[in-house]
Amino acid sequence: MSKGSLTTKQTGEYEIRKAMLEDGVIDCIVNMPTKLFLNTQIPACLWFLNRGKNRQRKGEVLFIDARNLGFLVNRKTREFTNEDLAPVSYTHLTLPTNREV
């Protein structure tokens, strides 16, 4: 979705987002860089939803900032390397399992 989906206060969108947070179905949101998708130059965000979210993590949403990852192939296109993707891909393995950490 466009990055505006995180902050818009238009009727409907705000209420849907609020309900999704209250219901605990949002697992993770990843902020993506500009020029990553061929049909648009604007930054996007990926929403990962999980209806079967672990009760211990209910109320928690993982935010990943990937805005500075990747390299420009040309002035209109950005790509990720494996080195760019590794920290994002393995984030779930490095999360603390204990809330006191």
PDB file of N, CA and C in Angstrom:
ATOM      1  N   MET A   1       0.842  -1.176   0.000  1.00  0.00           N
ATOM      2  CA  MET A   1       0.000   0.000   0.000  1.00  0.00           C
ATOM      3  C   MET A   1       0.881   1.231   0.000  1.00  0.00           C
ATOM      4  N   SER A   2       0.287   2.349  -0.329  1.00  0.00           N
ATOM      5  CA  SER A   2       1.071   3.582  -0.262  1.00  0.00           C
ATOM      6  C   SER A   2       1.363   3.896   1.203  1.00  0.00           C
ATOM      7  N   LYS A   3       2.400   4.647   1.422  1.00  0.00           N
ATOM      8  CA  LYS A   3       2.780   5.000   2.784  1.00  0.00           C
ATOM      9  C   LYS A   3       1.690   5.808   3.481  1.00  0.00           C
ATOM     10  N   GLY A   4       0.884   6.510   2.708  1.00  0.00           N
ATOM     11  CA  GLY A   4      -0.224   7.274   3.271  1.00  0.00           C
ATOM     12  C   GLY A   4      -1.232   6.408   4.005  1.00  0.00           C
ATOM     13  N   SER A   5      -1.249   5.123   3.703  1.00  0.00           N
ATOM     14  CA  SER A   5      -2.191   4.223   4.375  1.00  0.00           C
ATOM     15  C   SER A   5      -1.914   4.116   5.869  1.00  0.00           C
ATOM     16  N   LEU A   6      -0.714   4.514   6.288  1.00  0.00           N
ATOM     17  CA  LEU A   6      -0.367   4.478   7.707  1.00  0.00           C
ATOM     18  C   LEU A   6      -0.933   5.668   8.483  1.00  0.00           C
ATOM     19  N   THR A   7      -1.175   6.768   7.791  1.00  0.00           N
ATOM     20  CA  THR A   7      -1.501   7.999   8.517  1.00  0.00           C
ATOM     21  C   THR A   7      -2.781   8.699   8.102  1.00  0.00           C
ATOM     22  N   THR A   8      -3.387   8.312   7.011  1.00  0.00           N
ATOM     23  CA  THR A   8      -4.560   9.033   6.536  1.00  0.00           C
ATOM     24  C   THR A   8      -5.682   9.005   7.571  1.00  0.00           C
ATOM     25  N   LYS A   9      -6.406  10.095   7.665  1.00  0.00           N
ATOM     26  CA  LYS A   9      -7.515  10.181   8.607  1.00  0.00           C
ATOM     27  C   LYS A   9      -8.846  10.254   7.873  1.00  0.00           C
ATOM     28  N   GLN A  10      -8.838   9.871   6.613  1.00  0.00           N
ATOM     29  CA  GLN A  10     -10.093   9.864   5.867  1.00  0.00           C
ATOM     30  C   GLN A  10     -11.050   8.879   6.511  1.00  0.00           C
ATOM     31  N   THR A  11     -12.313   9.245   6.505  1.00  0.00           N
ATOM     32  CA  THR A  11     -13.332   8.381   7.080  1.00  0.00           C
ATOM     33  C   THR A  11     -13.242   7.004   6.454  1.00  0.00           C
ATOM     34  N   GLY A  12     -13.367   6.010   7.230  1.00  0.00           N
ATOM     35  CA  GLY A  12     -13.306   4.637   6.730  1.00  0.00           C
ATOM     36  C   GLY A  12     -11.920   4.056   6.893  1.00  0.00           C
ATOM     37  N   GLU A  13     -10.917   4.643   6.263  1.00  0.00           N
ATOM     38  CA  GLU A  13      -9.561   4.109   6.349  1.00  0.00           C
ATOM     39  C   GLU A  13      -9.049   4.134   7.782  1.00  0.00           C
ATOM     40  N   TYR A  14      -9.261   5.255   8.458  1.00  0.00           N
ATOM     41  CA  TYR A  14      -8.823   5.384   9.850  1.00  0.00           C
ATOM     42  C   TYR A  14      -9.537   4.356  10.727  1.00  0.00           C
ATOM     43  N   GLU A  15     -10.834   4.204  10.540  1.00  0.00           N
ATOM     44  CA  GLU A  15     -11.621   3.266  11.345  1.00  0.00           C
ATOM     45  C   GLU A  15     -11.208   1.821  11.080  1.00  0.00           C
ATOM     46  N   ILE A  16     -10.928   1.487   9.830  1.00  0.00           N
ATOM     47  CA  ILE A  16     -10.482   0.129   9.491  1.00  0.00           C
ATOM     48  C   ILE A  16      -9.139  -0.154  10.147  1.00  0.00           C
ATOM     49  N   ARG A  17      -8.210   0.791  10.040  1.00  0.00           N
ATOM     50  CA  ARG A  17      -6.882   0.631  10.637  1.00  0.00           C
ATOM     51  C   ARG A  17      -6.990   0.471  12.152  1.00  0.00           C
ATOM     52  N   LYS A  18      -7.833   1.288  12.769  1.00  0.00           N
ATOM     53  CA  LYS A  18      -8.041   1.237  14.215  1.00  0.00           C
ATOM     54  C   LYS A  18      -8.589  -0.131  14.629  1.00  0.00           C
ATOM     55  N   ALA A  19      -9.571  -0.634  13.896  1.00  0.00           N
ATOM     56  CA  ALA A  19     -10.164  -1.938  14.209  1.00  0.00           C
ATOM     57  C   ALA A  19      -9.142  -3.055  14.040  1.00  0.00           C
ATOM     58  N   MET A  20      -8.314  -2.960  13.019  1.00  0.00           N
ATOM     59  CA  MET A  20      -7.286  -3.981  12.796  1.00  0.00           C
ATOM     60  C   MET A  20      -6.287  -3.999  13.951  1.00  0.00           C
ATOM     61  N   LEU A  21      -5.911  -2.817  14.440  1.00  0.00           N
ATOM     62  CA  LEU A  21      -5.002  -2.747  15.588  1.00  0.00           C
ATOM     63  C   LEU A  21      -5.654  -3.302  16.841  1.00  0.00           C
ATOM     64  N   GLU A  22      -6.891  -2.914  17.079  1.00  0.00           N
ATOM     65  CA  GLU A  22      -7.603  -3.375  18.271  1.00  0.00           C
ATOM     66  C   GLU A  22      -7.835  -4.886  18.240  1.00  0.00           C
ATOM     67  N   ASP A  23      -8.078  -5.438  17.066  1.00  0.00           N
ATOM     68  CA  ASP A  23      -8.296  -6.881  16.931  1.00  0.00           C
ATOM     69  C   ASP A  23      -6.987  -7.665  16.942  1.00  0.00           C
ATOM     70  N   GLY A  24      -5.865  -6.967  16.819  1.00  0.00           N
ATOM     71  CA  GLY A  24      -4.561  -7.619  16.872  1.00  0.00           C
ATOM     72  C   GLY A  24      -4.200  -8.429  15.646  1.00  0.00           C
ATOM     73  N   VAL A  25      -4.700  -8.048  14.489  1.00  0.00           N
ATOM     74  CA  VAL A  25      -4.405  -8.830  13.282  1.00  0.00           C
ATOM     75  C   VAL A  25      -3.184  -8.318  12.515  1.00  0.00           C
ATOM     76  N   ILE A  26      -2.677  -7.142  12.854  1.00  0.00           N
ATOM     77  CA  ILE A  26      -1.488  -6.616  12.175  1.00  0.00           C
ATOM     78  C   ILE A  26      -0.264  -7.204  12.857  1.00  0.00           C
ATOM     79  N   ASP A  27       0.510  -7.978  12.115  1.00  0.00           N
ATOM     80  CA  ASP A  27       1.693  -8.624  12.660  1.00  0.00           C
ATOM     81  C   ASP A  27       2.926  -7.758  12.457  1.00  0.00           C
ATOM     82  N   CYS A  28       3.060  -7.196  11.248  1.00  0.00           N
ATOM     83  CA  CYS A  28       4.271  -6.462  10.908  1.00  0.00           C
ATOM     84  C   CYS A  28       3.967  -5.451   9.796  1.00  0.00           C
ATOM     85  N   ILE A  29       4.649  -4.313   9.852  1.00  0.00           N
ATOM     86  CA  ILE A  29       4.579  -3.316   8.781  1.00  0.00           C
ATOM     87  C   ILE A  29       6.016  -2.980   8.388  1.00  0.00           C
ATOM     88  N   VAL A  30       6.289  -3.053   7.088  1.00  0.00           N
ATOM     89  CA  VAL A  30       7.636  -2.762   6.582  1.00  0.00           C
ATOM     90  C   VAL A  30       7.567  -1.514   5.711  1.00  0.00           C
ATOM     91  N   ASN A  31       8.317  -0.481   6.093  1.00  0.00           N
ATOM     92  CA  ASN A  31       8.423   0.749   5.304  1.00  0.00           C
ATOM     93  C   ASN A  31       9.426   0.506   4.181  1.00  0.00           C
ATOM     94  N   MET A  32       9.004   0.658   2.947  1.00  0.00           N
ATOM     95  CA  MET A  32       9.846   0.375   1.791  1.00  0.00           C
ATOM     96  C   MET A  32      10.370   1.676   1.180  1.00  0.00           C
ATOM     97  N   PRO A  33      11.470   1.591   0.434  1.00  0.00           N
ATOM     98  CA  PRO A  33      12.037   2.793  -0.193  1.00  0.00           C
ATOM     99  C   PRO A  33      11.279   3.204  -1.457  1.00  0.00           C
ATOM    100  N   THR A  34      11.625   4.366  -1.960  1.00  0.00           N
ATOM    101  CA  THR A  34      11.069   4.849  -3.220  1.00  0.00           C
ATOM    102  C   THR A  34      11.649   4.054  -4.388  1.00  0.00           C
ATOM    103  N   LYS A  35      11.004   4.169  -5.529  1.00  0.00           N
ATOM    104  CA  LYS A  35      11.483   3.618  -6.802  1.00  0.00           C
ATOM    105  C   LYS A  35      11.677   2.112  -6.798  1.00  0.00           C
ATOM    106  N   LEU A  36      10.977   1.423  -5.930  1.00  0.00           N
ATOM    107  CA  LEU A  36      11.124  -0.029  -5.847  1.00  0.00           C
ATOM    108  C   LEU A  36      10.146  -0.748  -6.769  1.00  0.00           C
ATOM    109  N   PHE A  37       8.974  -0.165  -6.951  1.00  0.00           N
ATOM    110  CA  PHE A  37       7.960  -0.786  -7.781  1.00  0.00           C
ATOM    111  C   PHE A  37       7.877  -0.066  -9.123  1.00  0.00           C
ATOM    112  N   LEU A  38       7.790  -0.816 -10.193  1.00  0.00           N
ATOM    113  CA  LEU A  38       7.861  -0.247 -11.536  1.00  0.00           C
ATOM    114  C   LEU A  38       6.708   0.687 -11.863  1.00  0.00           C
ATOM    115  N   ASN A  39       5.547   0.472 -11.283  1.00  0.00           N
ATOM    116  CA  ASN A  39       4.389   1.292 -11.642  1.00  0.00           C
ATOM    117  C   ASN A  39       4.258   2.552 -10.804  1.00  0.00           C
ATOM    118  N   THR A  40       5.144   2.766  -9.850  1.00  0.00           N
ATOM    119  CA  THR A  40       5.083   3.990  -9.047  1.00  0.00           C
ATOM    120  C   THR A  40       6.461   4.337  -8.499  1.00  0.00           C
ATOM    121  N   GLN A  41       6.706   5.622  -8.340  1.00  0.00           N
ATOM    122  CA  GLN A  41       7.978   6.107  -7.789  1.00  0.00           C
ATOM    123  C   GLN A  41       7.889   6.351  -6.283  1.00  0.00           C
ATOM    124  N   ILE A  42       6.675   6.344  -5.733  1.00  0.00           N
ATOM    125  CA  ILE A  42       6.502   6.712  -4.328  1.00  0.00           C
ATOM    126  C   ILE A  42       6.859   5.550  -3.407  1.00  0.00           C
ATOM    127  N   PRO A  43       7.201   5.865  -2.148  1.00  0.00           N
ATOM    128  CA  PRO A  43       7.485   4.791  -1.196  1.00  0.00           C
ATOM    129  C   PRO A  43       6.208   4.041  -0.842  1.00  0.00           C
ATOM    130  N   ALA A  44       6.376   2.801  -0.478  1.00  0.00           N
ATOM    131  CA  ALA A  44       5.227   1.962  -0.128  1.00  0.00           C
ATOM    132  C   ALA A  44       5.480   1.322   1.229  1.00  0.00           C
ATOM    133  N   CYS A  45       4.470   0.673   1.743  1.00  0.00           N
ATOM    134  CA  CYS A  45       4.633  -0.102   2.965  1.00  0.00           C
ATOM    135  C   CYS A  45       3.918  -1.435   2.786  1.00  0.00           C
ATOM    136  N   LEU A  46       4.506  -2.451   3.370  1.00  0.00           N
ATOM    137  CA  LEU A  46       3.933  -3.789   3.305  1.00  0.00           C
ATOM    138  C   LEU A  46       3.289  -4.099   4.656  1.00  0.00           C
ATOM    139  N   TRP A  47       2.058  -4.537   4.625  1.00  0.00           N
ATOM    140  CA  TRP A  47       1.335  -4.913   5.844  1.00  0.00           C
ATOM    141  C   TRP A  47       1.227  -6.432   5.872  1.00  0.00           C
ATOM    142  N   PHE A  48       1.680  -7.049   6.940  1.00  0.00           N
ATOM    143  CA  PHE A  48       1.553  -8.482   7.121  1.00  0.00           C
ATOM    144  C   PHE A  48       0.512  -8.728   8.209  1.00  0.00           C
ATOM    145  N   LEU A  49      -0.539  -9.433   7.821  1.00  0.00           N
ATOM    146  CA  LEU A  49      -1.658  -9.685   8.719  1.00  0.00           C
ATOM    147  C   LEU A  49      -1.639 -11.139   9.172  1.00  0.00           C
ATOM    148  N   ASN A  50      -2.113 -11.368  10.397  1.00  0.00           N
ATOM    149  CA  ASN A  50      -2.122 -12.707  10.958  1.00  0.00           C
ATOM    150  C   ASN A  50      -3.291 -12.826  11.927  1.00  0.00           C
ATOM    151  N   ARG A  51      -4.337 -13.484  11.487  1.00  0.00           N
ATOM    152  CA  ARG A  51      -5.502 -13.671  12.360  1.00  0.00           C
ATOM    153  C   ARG A  51      -5.214 -14.618  13.511  1.00  0.00           C
ATOM    154  N   GLY A  52      -4.251 -15.501  13.340  1.00  0.00           N
ATOM    155  CA  GLY A  52      -3.935 -16.471  14.388  1.00  0.00           C
ATOM    156  C   GLY A  52      -2.744 -16.042  15.228  1.00  0.00           C
ATOM    157  N   LYS A  53      -2.602 -14.753  15.457  1.00  0.00           N
ATOM    158  CA  LYS A  53      -1.454 -14.207  16.169  1.00  0.00           C
ATOM    159  C   LYS A  53      -1.357 -14.802  17.574  1.00  0.00           C
ATOM    160  N   ASN A  54      -0.163 -15.122  17.981  1.00  0.00           N
ATOM    161  CA  ASN A  54       0.112 -15.651  19.305  1.00  0.00           C
ATOM    162  C   ASN A  54      -0.415 -14.680  20.364  1.00  0.00           C
ATOM    163  N   ARG A  55      -1.120 -15.177  21.328  1.00  0.00           N
ATOM    164  CA  ARG A  55      -1.713 -14.312  22.362  1.00  0.00           C
ATOM    165  C   ARG A  55      -0.659 -13.520  23.126  1.00  0.00           C
ATOM    166  N   GLN A  56       0.546 -14.072  23.265  1.00  0.00           N
ATOM    167  CA  GLN A  56       1.609 -13.351  23.956  1.00  0.00           C
ATOM    168  C   GLN A  56       2.033 -12.104  23.186  1.00  0.00           C
ATOM    169  N   ARG A  57       1.862 -12.107  21.866  1.00  0.00           N
ATOM    170  CA  ARG A  57       2.248 -10.961  21.047  1.00  0.00           C
ATOM    171  C   ARG A  57       1.073 -10.089  20.682  1.00  0.00           C
ATOM    172  N   LYS A  58      -0.125 -10.409  21.142  1.00  0.00           N
ATOM    173  CA  LYS A  58      -1.287  -9.597  20.817  1.00  0.00           C
ATOM    174  C   LYS A  58      -1.054  -8.189  21.369  1.00  0.00           C
ATOM    175  N   GLY A  59      -1.373  -7.212  20.579  1.00  0.00           N
ATOM    176  CA  GLY A  59      -1.130  -5.820  20.977  1.00  0.00           C
ATOM    177  C   GLY A  59       0.231  -5.308  20.554  1.00  0.00           C
ATOM    178  N   GLU A  60       1.051  -6.160  19.965  1.00  0.00           N
ATOM    179  CA  GLU A  60       2.372  -5.762  19.491  1.00  0.00           C
ATOM    180  C   GLU A  60       2.406  -5.789  17.979  1.00  0.00           C
ATOM    181  N   VAL A  61       3.035  -4.781  17.382  1.00  0.00           N
ATOM    182  CA  VAL A  61       3.222  -4.725  15.934  1.00  0.00           C
ATOM    183  C   VAL A  61       4.701  -4.459  15.683  1.00  0.00           C
ATOM    184  N   LEU A  62       5.308  -5.273  14.840  1.00  0.00           N
ATOM    185  CA  LEU A  62       6.708  -5.091  14.473  1.00  0.00           C
ATOM    186  C   LEU A  62       6.775  -4.096  13.320  1.00  0.00           C
ATOM    187  N   PHE A  63       7.534  -3.015  13.500  1.00  0.00           N
ATOM    188  CA  PHE A  63       7.762  -2.037  12.434  1.00  0.00           C
ATOM    189  C   PHE A  63       9.200  -2.176  11.964  1.00  0.00           C
ATOM    190  N   ILE A  64       9.387  -2.343  10.652  1.00  0.00           N
ATOM    191  CA  ILE A  64      10.722  -2.457  10.068  1.00  0.00           C
ATOM    192  C   ILE A  64      10.915  -1.299   9.097  1.00  0.00           C
ATOM    193  N   ASP A  65      11.989  -0.552   9.298  1.00  0.00           N
ATOM    194  CA  ASP A  65      12.298   0.583   8.430  1.00  0.00           C
ATOM    195  C   ASP A  65      13.323   0.150   7.390  1.00  0.00           C
ATOM    196  N   ALA A  66      12.854  -0.077   6.170  1.00  0.00           N
ATOM    197  CA  ALA A  66      13.736  -0.508   5.083  1.00  0.00           C
ATOM    198  C   ALA A  66      13.899   0.603   4.051  1.00  0.00           C
ATOM    199  N   ARG A  67      13.611   1.848   4.441  1.00  0.00           N
ATOM    200  CA  ARG A  67      13.635   2.968   3.492  1.00  0.00           C
ATOM    201  C   ARG A  67      14.996   3.222   2.878  1.00  0.00           C
ATOM    202  N   ASN A  68      16.066   2.889   3.566  1.00  0.00           N
ATOM    203  CA  ASN A  68      17.407   3.195   3.053  1.00  0.00           C
ATOM    204  C   ASN A  68      18.106   1.985   2.446  1.00  0.00           C
ATOM    205  N   LEU A  69      17.374   0.905   2.238  1.00  0.00           N
ATOM    206  CA  LEU A  69      17.985  -0.293   1.656  1.00  0.00           C
ATOM    207  C   LEU A  69      17.924  -0.253   0.134  1.00  0.00           C
ATOM    208  N   GLY A  70      18.766  -1.041  -0.492  1.00  0.00           N
ATOM    209  CA  GLY A  70      18.753  -1.155  -1.943  1.00  0.00           C
ATOM    210  C   GLY A  70      19.686  -0.183  -2.626  1.00  0.00           C
ATOM    211  N   PHE A  71      19.736  -0.324  -3.952  1.00  0.00           N
ATOM    212  CA  PHE A  71      20.587   0.557  -4.757  1.00  0.00           C
ATOM    213  C   PHE A  71      19.828   0.905  -6.034  1.00  0.00           C
ATOM    214  N   LEU A  72      20.132   2.056  -6.603  1.00  0.00           N
ATOM    215  CA  LEU A  72      19.486   2.478  -7.839  1.00  0.00           C
ATOM    216  C   LEU A  72      20.145   1.800  -9.029  1.00  0.00           C
ATOM    217  N   VAL A  73      19.343   1.102  -9.800  1.00  0.00           N
ATOM    218  CA  VAL A  73      19.807   0.480 -11.035  1.00  0.00           C
ATOM    219  C   VAL A  73      19.923   1.552 -12.102  1.00  0.00           C
ATOM    220  N   ASN A  74      18.943   2.418 -12.131  1.00  0.00           N
ATOM    221  CA  ASN A  74      18.935   3.608 -12.981  1.00  0.00           C
ATOM    222  C   ASN A  74      18.151   4.667 -12.217  1.00  0.00           C
ATOM    223  N   ARG A  75      17.862   5.767 -12.819  1.00  0.00           N
ATOM    224  CA  ARG A  75      17.207   6.843 -12.059  1.00  0.00           C
ATOM    225  C   ARG A  75      15.764   6.546 -11.681  1.00  0.00           C
ATOM    226  N   LYS A  76      15.191   5.479 -12.221  1.00  0.00           N
ATOM    227  CA  LYS A  76      13.798   5.149 -11.938  1.00  0.00           C
ATOM    228  C   LYS A  76      13.583   3.831 -11.195  1.00  0.00           C
ATOM    229  N   THR A  77      14.636   3.030 -11.073  1.00  0.00           N
ATOM    230  CA  THR A  77      14.455   1.689 -10.524  1.00  0.00           C
ATOM    231  C   THR A  77      15.454   1.382  -9.410  1.00  0.00           C
ATOM    232  N   ARG A  78      14.929   0.860  -8.312  1.00  0.00           N
ATOM    233  CA  ARG A  78      15.751   0.430  -7.179  1.00  0.00           C
ATOM    234  C   ARG A  78      15.631  -1.082  -7.039  1.00  0.00           C
ATOM    235  N   GLU A  79      16.722  -1.717  -6.614  1.00  0.00           N
ATOM    236  CA  GLU A  79      16.715  -3.153  -6.359  1.00  0.00           C
ATOM    237  C   GLU A  79      17.393  -3.428  -5.026  1.00  0.00           C
ATOM    238  N   PHE A  80      17.059  -4.580  -4.454  1.00  0.00           N
ATOM    239  CA  PHE A  80      17.683  -5.033  -3.217  1.00  0.00           C
ATOM    240  C   PHE A  80      18.733  -6.088  -3.537  1.00  0.00           C
ATOM    241  N   THR A  81      19.787  -6.112  -2.744  1.00  0.00           N
ATOM    242  CA  THR A  81      20.762  -7.199  -2.803  1.00  0.00           C
ATOM    243  C   THR A  81      20.380  -8.210  -1.718  1.00  0.00           C
ATOM    244  N   ASN A  82      20.992  -9.372  -1.747  1.00  0.00           N
ATOM    245  CA  ASN A  82      20.765 -10.355  -0.684  1.00  0.00           C
ATOM    246  C   ASN A  82      21.208  -9.800   0.663  1.00  0.00           C
ATOM    247  N   GLU A  83      22.260  -8.997   0.657  1.00  0.00           N
ATOM    248  CA  GLU A  83      22.750  -8.384   1.890  1.00  0.00           C
ATOM    249  C   GLU A  83      21.737  -7.375   2.448  1.00  0.00           C
ATOM    250  N   ASP A  84      21.001  -6.705   1.555  1.00  0.00           N
ATOM    251  CA  ASP A  84      19.946  -5.783   1.996  1.00  0.00           C
ATOM    252  C   ASP A  84      18.801  -6.546   2.654  1.00  0.00           C
ATOM    253  N   LEU A  85      18.447  -7.668   2.065  1.00  0.00           N
ATOM    254  CA  LEU A  85      17.284  -8.422   2.525  1.00  0.00           C
ATOM    255  C   LEU A  85      17.546  -9.248   3.778  1.00  0.00           C
ATOM    256  N   ALA A  86      18.763  -9.656   4.007  1.00  0.00           N
ATOM    257  CA  ALA A  86      19.074 -10.551   5.126  1.00  0.00           C
ATOM    258  C   ALA A  86      18.607 -10.016   6.481  1.00  0.00           C
ATOM    259  N   PRO A  87      18.939  -8.779   6.862  1.00  0.00           N
ATOM    260  CA  PRO A  87      18.506  -8.321   8.187  1.00  0.00           C
ATOM    261  C   PRO A  87      16.986  -8.252   8.327  1.00  0.00           C
ATOM    262  N   VAL A  88      16.305  -7.905   7.250  1.00  0.00           N
ATOM    263  CA  VAL A  88      14.847  -7.820   7.281  1.00  0.00           C
ATOM    264  C   VAL A  88      14.248  -9.220   7.348  1.00  0.00           C
ATOM    265  N   SER A  89      14.783 -10.135   6.562  1.00  0.00           N
ATOM    266  CA  SER A  89      14.262 -11.504   6.500  1.00  0.00           C
ATOM    267  C   SER A  89      14.410 -12.244   7.810  1.00  0.00           C
ATOM    268  N   TYR A  90      15.480 -11.998   8.522  1.00  0.00           N
ATOM    269  CA  TYR A  90      15.767 -12.750   9.736  1.00  0.00           C
ATOM    270  C   TYR A  90      15.420 -11.997  11.011  1.00  0.00           C
ATOM    271  N   THR A  91      14.689 -10.912  10.910  1.00  0.00           N
ATOM    272  CA  THR A  91      14.320 -10.128  12.085  1.00  0.00           C
ATOM    273  C   THR A  91      13.571 -10.966  13.099  1.00  0.00           C
ATOM    274  N   HIS A  92      12.654 -11.812  12.650  1.00  0.00           N
ATOM    275  CA  HIS A  92      11.869 -12.623  13.587  1.00  0.00           C
ATOM    276  C   HIS A  92      12.742 -13.576  14.398  1.00  0.00           C
ATOM    277  N   LEU A  93      13.912 -13.933  13.895  1.00  0.00           N
ATOM    278  CA  LEU A  93      14.808 -14.838  14.630  1.00  0.00           C
ATOM    279  C   LEU A  93      15.594 -14.121  15.714  1.00  0.00           C
ATOM    280  N   THR A  94      15.710 -12.796  15.597  1.00  0.00           N
ATOM    281  CA  THR A  94      16.522 -12.040  16.552  1.00  0.00           C
ATOM    282  C   THR A  94      15.693 -11.267  17.561  1.00  0.00           C
ATOM    283  N   LEU A  95      14.370 -11.373  17.478  1.00  0.00           N
ATOM    284  CA  LEU A  95      13.534 -10.665  18.432  1.00  0.00           C
ATOM    285  C   LEU A  95      13.671 -11.258  19.815  1.00  0.00           C
ATOM    286  N   PRO A  96      13.696 -10.438  20.851  1.00  0.00           N
ATOM    287  CA  PRO A  96      13.761 -10.988  22.199  1.00  0.00           C
ATOM    288  C   PRO A  96      12.513 -11.801  22.507  1.00  0.00           C
ATOM    289  N   THR A  97      12.689 -12.908  23.192  1.00  0.00           N
ATOM    290  CA  THR A  97      11.564 -13.738  23.585  1.00  0.00           C
ATOM    291  C   THR A  97      11.076 -13.357  24.976  1.00  0.00           C
ATOM    292  N   ASN A  98      11.756 -12.445  25.595  1.00  0.00           N
ATOM    293  CA  ASN A  98      11.461 -12.032  26.953  1.00  0.00           C
ATOM    294  C   ASN A  98      11.188 -10.540  26.956  1.00  0.00           C
ATOM    295  N   ARG A  99      10.070 -10.119  27.498  1.00  0.00           N
ATOM    296  CA  ARG A  99       9.692  -8.705  27.475  1.00  0.00           C
ATOM    297  C   ARG A  99      10.640  -7.821  28.286  1.00  0.00           C
ATOM    298  N   GLU A 100      11.421  -8.389  29.190  1.00  0.00           N
ATOM    299  CA  GLU A 100      12.320  -7.583  30.023  1.00  0.00           C
ATOM    300  C   GLU A 100      13.587  -7.189  29.290  1.00  0.00           C
ATOM    301  N   VAL A 101      13.877  -7.816  28.165  1.00  0.00           N
ATOM    302  CA  VAL A 101      15.119  -7.535  27.420  1.00  0.00           C
ATOM    303  C   VAL A 101      15.017  -6.194  26.756  1.00  0.00           C
TER     304      VAL A 101
END
